[in-house]
């Protein structure tokens, strides 16, 4: 893919992550720093659609990224996740010092900072989750069928965690679409951790597929490091 199309695709994805609405060529021509007309942008977006990176949900609408588009975006993020600010780090460190159940306190702060749902597994069969209200507040989850499907996921969390546990090592892993055992409608940032007592657990941030992966990878990395010390 040439550099202009790469910039265009990433611009569409960034806008979609922020607004959760289809992105039109006029929007990018006005603010995306492209020195070409909206008609040319529209043609290139059509090319990206033919290549499988974008899709037009309605004839008159702009375009949104496909699973392949998000996979391209994730590859571009490699080693470039966001840096946490001092307040975020201090909030997490404070939670890790909680006298009782610091793991759960960390999960709650992680849910607040990511604005997503968080799942914590202490071993395979002891599962704690928080922040589902964050998930259901996203525009995507105004669809009642999607809410029902996520409800089914919650009902079978033990089975899903067992599956992910077997496939996840201690490096951070991003699961999207069909590769996400939680839900093909969602994205997840997951990692194993190993506490001082050598007990292995798993931490996951679960959100819509358009989640802010750069920030959430950085958050999971910080939380994992803190869990390793508990």
C-alpha atoms as a PDB file:
ATOM      1  CA  UNK A   1       0.000   0.000   0.000  1.00  0.00           C
ATOM      2  CA  UNK A   2       1.436   3.411  -0.923  1.00  0.00           C
ATOM      3  CA  UNK A   3       2.074   6.061   1.726  1.00  0.00           C
ATOM      4  CA  UNK A   4      -0.950   8.222   0.815  1.00  0.00           C
ATOM      5  CA  UNK A   5      -3.372   5.323   1.040  1.00  0.00           C
ATOM      6  CA  UNK A   6      -1.775   4.241   4.302  1.00  0.00           C
ATOM      7  CA  UNK A   7      -2.242   7.739   5.724  1.00  0.00           C
ATOM      8  CA  UNK A   8      -5.823   7.791   4.442  1.00  0.00           C
ATOM      9  CA  UNK A   9      -6.713   4.425   5.947  1.00  0.00           C
ATOM     10  CA  UNK A  10      -5.184   5.326   9.313  1.00  0.00           C
ATOM     11  CA  UNK A  11      -6.986   8.687   9.272  1.00  0.00           C
ATOM     12  CA  UNK A  12     -10.330   6.954   8.668  1.00  0.00           C
ATOM     13  CA  UNK A  13      -9.632   4.542  11.530  1.00  0.00           C
ATOM     14  CA  UNK A  14      -8.601   7.316  13.944  1.00  0.00           C
ATOM     15  CA  UNK A  15     -11.782   9.266  13.163  1.00  0.00           C
ATOM     16  CA  UNK A  16     -13.929   6.170  13.538  1.00  0.00           C
ATOM     17  CA  UNK A  17     -12.326   5.300  16.895  1.00  0.00           C
ATOM     18  CA  UNK A  18     -13.157   8.796  18.160  1.00  0.00           C
ATOM     19  CA  UNK A  19     -16.697   9.165  16.813  1.00  0.00           C
ATOM     20  CA  UNK A  20     -18.081   5.696  16.035  1.00  0.00           C
ATOM     21  CA  UNK A  21     -19.711   7.043  12.867  1.00  0.00           C
ATOM     22  CA  UNK A  22     -18.888   6.453   9.181  1.00  0.00           C
ATOM     23  CA  UNK A  23     -16.132   8.743   7.909  1.00  0.00           C
ATOM     24  CA  UNK A  24     -16.796  10.786   4.759  1.00  0.00           C
ATOM     25  CA  UNK A  25     -14.162  12.072   2.329  1.00  0.00           C
ATOM     26  CA  UNK A  26     -15.298  15.677   2.899  1.00  0.00           C
ATOM     27  CA  UNK A  27     -14.444  15.394   6.580  1.00  0.00           C
ATOM     28  CA  UNK A  28     -10.906  14.264   5.831  1.00  0.00           C
ATOM     29  CA  UNK A  29     -10.407  16.806   3.048  1.00  0.00           C
ATOM     30  CA  UNK A  30     -11.276  19.533   5.509  1.00  0.00           C
ATOM     31  CA  UNK A  31      -9.119  18.430   8.413  1.00  0.00           C
ATOM     32  CA  UNK A  32      -6.905  15.493   7.458  1.00  0.00           C
ATOM     33  CA  UNK A  33      -3.990  17.418   5.969  1.00  0.00           C
ATOM     34  CA  UNK A  34      -4.555  15.917   2.496  1.00  0.00           C
ATOM     35  CA  UNK A  35      -3.630  18.225  -0.405  1.00  0.00           C
ATOM     36  CA  UNK A  36      -6.106  16.579  -2.761  1.00  0.00           C
ATOM     37  CA  UNK A  37      -9.816  17.053  -3.446  1.00  0.00           C
ATOM     38  CA  UNK A  38     -12.558  15.214  -1.607  1.00  0.00           C
ATOM     39  CA  UNK A  39     -13.424  13.520  -4.934  1.00  0.00           C
ATOM     40  CA  UNK A  40      -9.917  12.063  -5.169  1.00  0.00           C
ATOM     41  CA  UNK A  41     -10.117  10.991  -1.535  1.00  0.00           C
ATOM     42  CA  UNK A  42     -13.486   9.377  -2.235  1.00  0.00           C
ATOM     43  CA  UNK A  43     -11.967   7.413  -5.122  1.00  0.00           C
ATOM     44  CA  UNK A  44      -9.090   6.226  -2.962  1.00  0.00           C
ATOM     45  CA  UNK A  45     -11.488   5.243  -0.182  1.00  0.00           C
ATOM     46  CA  UNK A  46     -13.381   3.230  -2.804  1.00  0.00           C
ATOM     47  CA  UNK A  47     -10.096   1.520  -3.705  1.00  0.00           C
ATOM     48  CA  UNK A  48      -9.511   0.699  -0.019  1.00  0.00           C
ATOM     49  CA  UNK A  49     -13.030  -0.731   0.084  1.00  0.00           C
ATOM     50  CA  UNK A  50     -12.278  -2.979  -2.906  1.00  0.00           C
ATOM     51  CA  UNK A  51      -9.100  -4.121  -1.155  1.00  0.00           C
ATOM     52  CA  UNK A  52     -11.136  -5.098   1.902  1.00  0.00           C
ATOM     53  CA  UNK A  53      -9.941  -2.460   4.383  1.00  0.00           C
ATOM     54  CA  UNK A  54     -13.072  -0.285   4.475  1.00  0.00           C
ATOM     55  CA  UNK A  55     -16.788  -0.850   4.053  1.00  0.00           C
ATOM     56  CA  UNK A  56     -19.677   1.501   3.326  1.00  0.00           C
ATOM     57  CA  UNK A  57     -22.551   0.528   5.660  1.00  0.00           C
ATOM     58  CA  UNK A  58     -25.123   2.573   3.701  1.00  0.00           C
ATOM     59  CA  UNK A  59     -25.075   3.895   0.141  1.00  0.00           C
ATOM     60  CA  UNK A  60     -25.107   7.550   1.216  1.00  0.00           C
ATOM     61  CA  UNK A  61     -22.814   7.071   4.236  1.00  0.00           C
ATOM     62  CA  UNK A  62     -19.083   7.396   4.676  1.00  0.00           C
ATOM     63  CA  UNK A  63     -16.927   4.349   5.334  1.00  0.00           C
ATOM     64  CA  UNK A  64     -15.854   2.385   8.399  1.00  0.00           C
ATOM     65  CA  UNK A  65     -12.884   0.022   8.886  1.00  0.00           C
ATOM     66  CA  UNK A  66     -13.289  -3.713   8.398  1.00  0.00           C
ATOM     67  CA  UNK A  67     -11.575  -6.329  10.536  1.00  0.00           C
ATOM     68  CA  UNK A  68      -8.736  -6.303   7.967  1.00  0.00           C
ATOM     69  CA  UNK A  69      -8.531  -2.513   8.322  1.00  0.00           C
ATOM     70  CA  UNK A  70      -8.150  -2.789  12.075  1.00  0.00           C
ATOM     71  CA  UNK A  71      -5.546  -5.521  11.650  1.00  0.00           C
ATOM     72  CA  UNK A  72      -3.554  -3.131   9.425  1.00  0.00           C
ATOM     73  CA  UNK A  73      -3.923  -0.411  12.081  1.00  0.00           C
ATOM     74  CA  UNK A  74      -2.715  -2.749  14.834  1.00  0.00           C
ATOM     75  CA  UNK A  75       0.347  -3.688  12.782  1.00  0.00           C
ATOM     76  CA  UNK A  76       1.137   0.016  12.392  1.00  0.00           C
ATOM     77  CA  UNK A  77       0.938   0.440  16.194  1.00  0.00           C
ATOM     78  CA  UNK A  78       3.607  -2.161  16.945  1.00  0.00           C
ATOM     79  CA  UNK A  79       5.935  -0.686  19.567  1.00  0.00           C
ATOM     80  CA  UNK A  80       4.145   2.691  19.407  1.00  0.00           C
ATOM     81  CA  UNK A  81       1.509   2.412  22.118  1.00  0.00           C
ATOM     82  CA  UNK A  82       0.571   5.541  24.032  1.00  0.00           C
ATOM     83  CA  UNK A  83       2.468   6.652  27.136  1.00  0.00           C
ATOM     84  CA  UNK A  84       0.493   6.869  30.376  1.00  0.00           C
ATOM     85  CA  UNK A  85       0.494  10.195  32.175  1.00  0.00           C
ATOM     86  CA  UNK A  86       1.646  10.550  35.796  1.00  0.00           C
ATOM     87  CA  UNK A  87      -1.886  10.658  37.206  1.00  0.00           C
ATOM     88  CA  UNK A  88      -2.852   7.409  35.479  1.00  0.00           C
ATOM     89  CA  UNK A  89       0.278   5.695  36.809  1.00  0.00           C
ATOM     90  CA  UNK A  90      -0.288   6.996  40.332  1.00  0.00           C
ATOM     91  CA  UNK A  91      -3.948   5.911  40.315  1.00  0.00           C
ATOM     92  CA  UNK A  92      -2.904   2.381  39.334  1.00  0.00           C
ATOM     93  CA  UNK A  93      -0.044   2.261  41.846  1.00  0.00           C
ATOM     94  CA  UNK A  94      -2.407   3.413  44.605  1.00  0.00           C
ATOM     95  CA  UNK A  95      -4.870   0.655  43.702  1.00  0.00           C
ATOM     96  CA  UNK A  96      -2.066  -1.928  43.816  1.00  0.00           C
ATOM     97  CA  UNK A  97      -1.346  -0.907  47.421  1.00  0.00           C
ATOM     98  CA  UNK A  98      -4.926  -1.609  48.556  1.00  0.00           C
ATOM     99  CA  UNK A  99      -4.767  -3.796  51.676  1.00  0.00           C
ATOM    100  CA  UNK A 100      -7.586  -6.119  50.667  1.00  0.00           C
ATOM    101  CA  UNK A 101      -8.005  -7.508  47.130  1.00  0.00           C
ATOM    102  CA  UNK A 102      -5.550  -5.168  45.348  1.00  0.00           C
ATOM    103  CA  UNK A 103      -6.161  -7.150  42.126  1.00  0.00           C
ATOM    104  CA  UNK A 104      -9.829  -6.150  42.125  1.00  0.00           C
ATOM    105  CA  UNK A 105      -8.966  -2.533  42.952  1.00  0.00           C
ATOM    106  CA  UNK A 106      -6.578  -2.514  39.991  1.00  0.00           C
ATOM    107  CA  UNK A 107      -9.274  -3.942  37.725  1.00  0.00           C
ATOM    108  CA  UNK A 108     -11.712  -1.198  38.767  1.00  0.00           C
ATOM    109  CA  UNK A 109      -9.193   1.580  38.106  1.00  0.00           C
ATOM    110  CA  UNK A 110      -8.247  -0.041  34.793  1.00  0.00           C
ATOM    111  CA  UNK A 111     -11.936  -0.012  33.802  1.00  0.00           C
ATOM    112  CA  UNK A 112     -12.184   3.689  34.736  1.00  0.00           C
ATOM    113  CA  UNK A 113      -9.054   4.683  32.816  1.00  0.00           C
ATOM    114  CA  UNK A 114      -9.785   2.600  29.721  1.00  0.00           C
ATOM    115  CA  UNK A 115     -13.529   3.337  29.814  1.00  0.00           C
ATOM    116  CA  UNK A 116     -14.021  -0.299  28.811  1.00  0.00           C
ATOM    117  CA  UNK A 117     -14.911  -3.553  30.551  1.00  0.00           C
ATOM    118  CA  UNK A 118     -12.158  -5.407  32.416  1.00  0.00           C
ATOM    119  CA  UNK A 119     -11.921  -9.129  33.119  1.00  0.00           C
ATOM    120  CA  UNK A 120      -9.506 -10.559  35.654  1.00  0.00           C
ATOM    121  CA  UNK A 121      -8.917 -14.284  36.098  1.00  0.00           C
ATOM    122  CA  UNK A 122      -7.107 -15.647  39.142  1.00  0.00           C
ATOM    123  CA  UNK A 123      -6.207 -18.965  37.585  1.00  0.00           C
ATOM    124  CA  UNK A 124      -8.695 -20.513  35.171  1.00  0.00           C
ATOM    125  CA  UNK A 125     -11.875 -20.753  37.183  1.00  0.00           C
ATOM    126  CA  UNK A 126     -11.953 -17.699  39.436  1.00  0.00           C
ATOM    127  CA  UNK A 127     -13.160 -14.816  37.281  1.00  0.00           C
ATOM    128  CA  UNK A 128     -13.903 -11.203  38.250  1.00  0.00           C
ATOM    129  CA  UNK A 129     -15.263  -8.565  35.888  1.00  0.00           C
ATOM    130  CA  UNK A 130     -16.072  -4.879  36.160  1.00  0.00           C
ATOM    131  CA  UNK A 131     -16.951  -1.973  33.878  1.00  0.00           C
ATOM    132  CA  UNK A 132     -19.686  -3.641  31.836  1.00  0.00           C
ATOM    133  CA  UNK A 133     -21.645  -0.383  32.058  1.00  0.00           C
ATOM    134  CA  UNK A 134     -18.766   1.268  30.147  1.00  0.00           C
ATOM    135  CA  UNK A 135     -19.196  -1.280  27.386  1.00  0.00           C
ATOM    136  CA  UNK A 136     -22.960  -0.953  27.157  1.00  0.00           C
ATOM    137  CA  UNK A 137     -22.705   2.863  27.052  1.00  0.00           C
ATOM    138  CA  UNK A 138     -20.840   2.718  23.713  1.00  0.00           C
ATOM    139  CA  UNK A 139     -22.903   3.633  20.617  1.00  0.00           C
ATOM    140  CA  UNK A 140     -22.428   0.142  19.155  1.00  0.00           C
ATOM    141  CA  UNK A 141     -24.281  -1.368  22.090  1.00  0.00           C
ATOM    142  CA  UNK A 142     -27.499   0.487  21.399  1.00  0.00           C
ATOM    143  CA  UNK A 143     -28.189  -2.595  19.285  1.00  0.00           C
ATOM    144  CA  UNK A 144     -30.194  -4.898  21.565  1.00  0.00           C
ATOM    145  CA  UNK A 145     -29.067  -8.007  19.697  1.00  0.00           C
ATOM    146  CA  UNK A 146     -25.451  -7.107  20.433  1.00  0.00           C
ATOM    147  CA  UNK A 147     -26.245  -6.529  24.122  1.00  0.00           C
ATOM    148  CA  UNK A 148     -27.873  -9.965  24.209  1.00  0.00           C
ATOM    149  CA  UNK A 149     -24.815 -11.582  22.606  1.00  0.00           C
ATOM    150  CA  UNK A 150     -22.497  -9.926  25.133  1.00  0.00           C
ATOM    151  CA  UNK A 151     -24.809 -11.081  27.920  1.00  0.00           C
ATOM    152  CA  UNK A 152     -24.312 -14.640  26.681  1.00  0.00           C
ATOM    153  CA  UNK A 153     -20.546 -14.081  26.756  1.00  0.00           C
ATOM    154  CA  UNK A 154     -20.744 -13.033  30.416  1.00  0.00           C
ATOM    155  CA  UNK A 155     -22.804 -16.145  31.193  1.00  0.00           C
ATOM    156  CA  UNK A 156     -20.025 -18.334  29.766  1.00  0.00           C
ATOM    157  CA  UNK A 157     -16.977 -16.400  30.937  1.00  0.00           C
ATOM    158  CA  UNK A 158     -15.403 -19.401  32.683  1.00  0.00           C
ATOM    159  CA  UNK A 159     -15.321 -21.404  29.441  1.00  0.00           C
ATOM    160  CA  UNK A 160     -14.011 -18.477  27.410  1.00  0.00           C
ATOM    161  CA  UNK A 161     -11.304 -17.675  29.966  1.00  0.00           C
ATOM    162  CA  UNK A 162     -10.149 -21.297  29.900  1.00  0.00           C
ATOM    163  CA  UNK A 163      -9.778 -21.078  26.124  1.00  0.00           C
ATOM    164  CA  UNK A 164      -7.885 -17.783  26.242  1.00  0.00           C
ATOM    165  CA  UNK A 165      -5.713 -18.997  29.136  1.00  0.00           C
ATOM    166  CA  UNK A 166      -4.406 -21.851  27.026  1.00  0.00           C
ATOM    167  CA  UNK A 167      -3.536 -19.565  24.102  1.00  0.00           C
ATOM    168  CA  UNK A 168      -2.177 -16.496  25.931  1.00  0.00           C
ATOM    169  CA  UNK A 169       1.368 -16.166  27.195  1.00  0.00           C
ATOM    170  CA  UNK A 170       2.858 -13.331  29.211  1.00  0.00           C
ATOM    171  CA  UNK A 171       3.264 -11.013  26.241  1.00  0.00           C
ATOM    172  CA  UNK A 172       0.369  -8.678  25.518  1.00  0.00           C
ATOM    173  CA  UNK A 173      -1.981  -9.964  22.844  1.00  0.00           C
ATOM    174  CA  UNK A 174      -4.691  -8.138  20.898  1.00  0.00           C
ATOM    175  CA  UNK A 175      -7.730 -10.121  19.767  1.00  0.00           C
ATOM    176  CA  UNK A 176     -10.203  -8.696  17.262  1.00  0.00           C
ATOM    177  CA  UNK A 177     -13.202  -9.903  15.326  1.00  0.00           C
ATOM    178  CA  UNK A 178     -13.290 -13.603  14.551  1.00  0.00           C
ATOM    179  CA  UNK A 179     -10.044 -14.136  16.491  1.00  0.00           C
ATOM    180  CA  UNK A 180     -11.621 -12.812  19.691  1.00  0.00           C
ATOM    181  CA  UNK A 181     -13.181 -15.626  21.785  1.00  0.00           C
ATOM    182  CA  UNK A 182     -15.111 -13.061  23.844  1.00  0.00           C
ATOM    183  CA  UNK A 183     -17.044 -11.774  20.830  1.00  0.00           C
ATOM    184  CA  UNK A 184     -16.478 -11.189  17.117  1.00  0.00           C
ATOM    185  CA  UNK A 185     -18.123  -7.789  17.673  1.00  0.00           C
ATOM    186  CA  UNK A 186     -15.414  -6.698  20.105  1.00  0.00           C
ATOM    187  CA  UNK A 187     -11.720  -6.141  20.570  1.00  0.00           C
ATOM    188  CA  UNK A 188      -9.685  -7.284  23.570  1.00  0.00           C
ATOM    189  CA  UNK A 189      -6.230  -6.574  24.948  1.00  0.00           C
ATOM    190  CA  UNK A 190      -5.100  -9.526  27.084  1.00  0.00           C
ATOM    191  CA  UNK A 191      -2.054 -10.754  28.945  1.00  0.00           C
ATOM    192  CA  UNK A 192      -1.111 -13.323  31.530  1.00  0.00           C
ATOM    193  CA  UNK A 193       0.616 -12.236  34.715  1.00  0.00           C
ATOM    194  CA  UNK A 194       2.479 -14.135  37.425  1.00  0.00           C
ATOM    195  CA  UNK A 195       2.229 -12.821  40.984  1.00  0.00           C
ATOM    196  CA  UNK A 196       4.775 -13.153  43.776  1.00  0.00           C
ATOM    197  CA  UNK A 197       3.125 -16.378  44.883  1.00  0.00           C
ATOM    198  CA  UNK A 198       3.734 -17.753  41.355  1.00  0.00           C
ATOM    199  CA  UNK A 199      -0.009 -17.980  40.792  1.00  0.00           C
ATOM    200  CA  UNK A 200      -0.784 -17.265  37.144  1.00  0.00           C
ATOM    201  CA  UNK A 201      -3.666 -14.981  36.241  1.00  0.00           C
ATOM    202  CA  UNK A 202      -5.023 -13.154  33.211  1.00  0.00           C
ATOM    203  CA  UNK A 203      -6.066  -9.540  32.674  1.00  0.00           C
ATOM    204  CA  UNK A 204      -8.191  -8.386  29.731  1.00  0.00           C
ATOM    205  CA  UNK A 205      -9.660  -5.090  28.554  1.00  0.00           C
ATOM    206  CA  UNK A 206     -12.789  -5.727  26.470  1.00  0.00           C
ATOM    207  CA  UNK A 207     -14.374  -3.064  24.290  1.00  0.00           C
ATOM    208  CA  UNK A 208     -15.840  -2.391  20.863  1.00  0.00           C
ATOM    209  CA  UNK A 209     -13.578  -3.300  17.959  1.00  0.00           C
ATOM    210  CA  UNK A 210     -12.879   0.450  17.500  1.00  0.00           C
ATOM    211  CA  UNK A 211     -11.329   0.789  20.976  1.00  0.00           C
ATOM    212  CA  UNK A 212      -8.220   2.935  21.576  1.00  0.00           C
ATOM    213  CA  UNK A 213      -5.672   0.111  21.330  1.00  0.00           C
ATOM    214  CA  UNK A 214      -2.635   2.352  21.799  1.00  0.00           C
ATOM    215  CA  UNK A 215      -3.869   3.522  25.195  1.00  0.00           C
ATOM    216  CA  UNK A 216      -5.263   0.175  26.292  1.00  0.00           C
ATOM    217  CA  UNK A 217      -2.082  -1.742  25.457  1.00  0.00           C
ATOM    218  CA  UNK A 218      -0.133   0.738  27.600  1.00  0.00           C
ATOM    219  CA  UNK A 219      -2.657   0.368  30.447  1.00  0.00           C
ATOM    220  CA  UNK A 220      -2.579  -3.436  30.358  1.00  0.00           C
ATOM    221  CA  UNK A 221       1.232  -3.384  30.327  1.00  0.00           C
ATOM    222  CA  UNK A 222       1.295  -1.196  33.456  1.00  0.00           C
ATOM    223  CA  UNK A 223      -1.347  -3.268  35.256  1.00  0.00           C
ATOM    224  CA  UNK A 224       0.417  -6.507  34.373  1.00  0.00           C
ATOM    225  CA  UNK A 225       3.691  -5.168  35.831  1.00  0.00           C
ATOM    226  CA  UNK A 226       1.883  -4.212  39.046  1.00  0.00           C
ATOM    227  CA  UNK A 227       0.095  -7.575  39.285  1.00  0.00           C
ATOM    228  CA  UNK A 228       3.430  -9.345  38.898  1.00  0.00           C
ATOM    229  CA  UNK A 229       4.514  -7.677  42.171  1.00  0.00           C
ATOM    230  CA  UNK A 230       1.440  -8.595  44.232  1.00  0.00           C
END
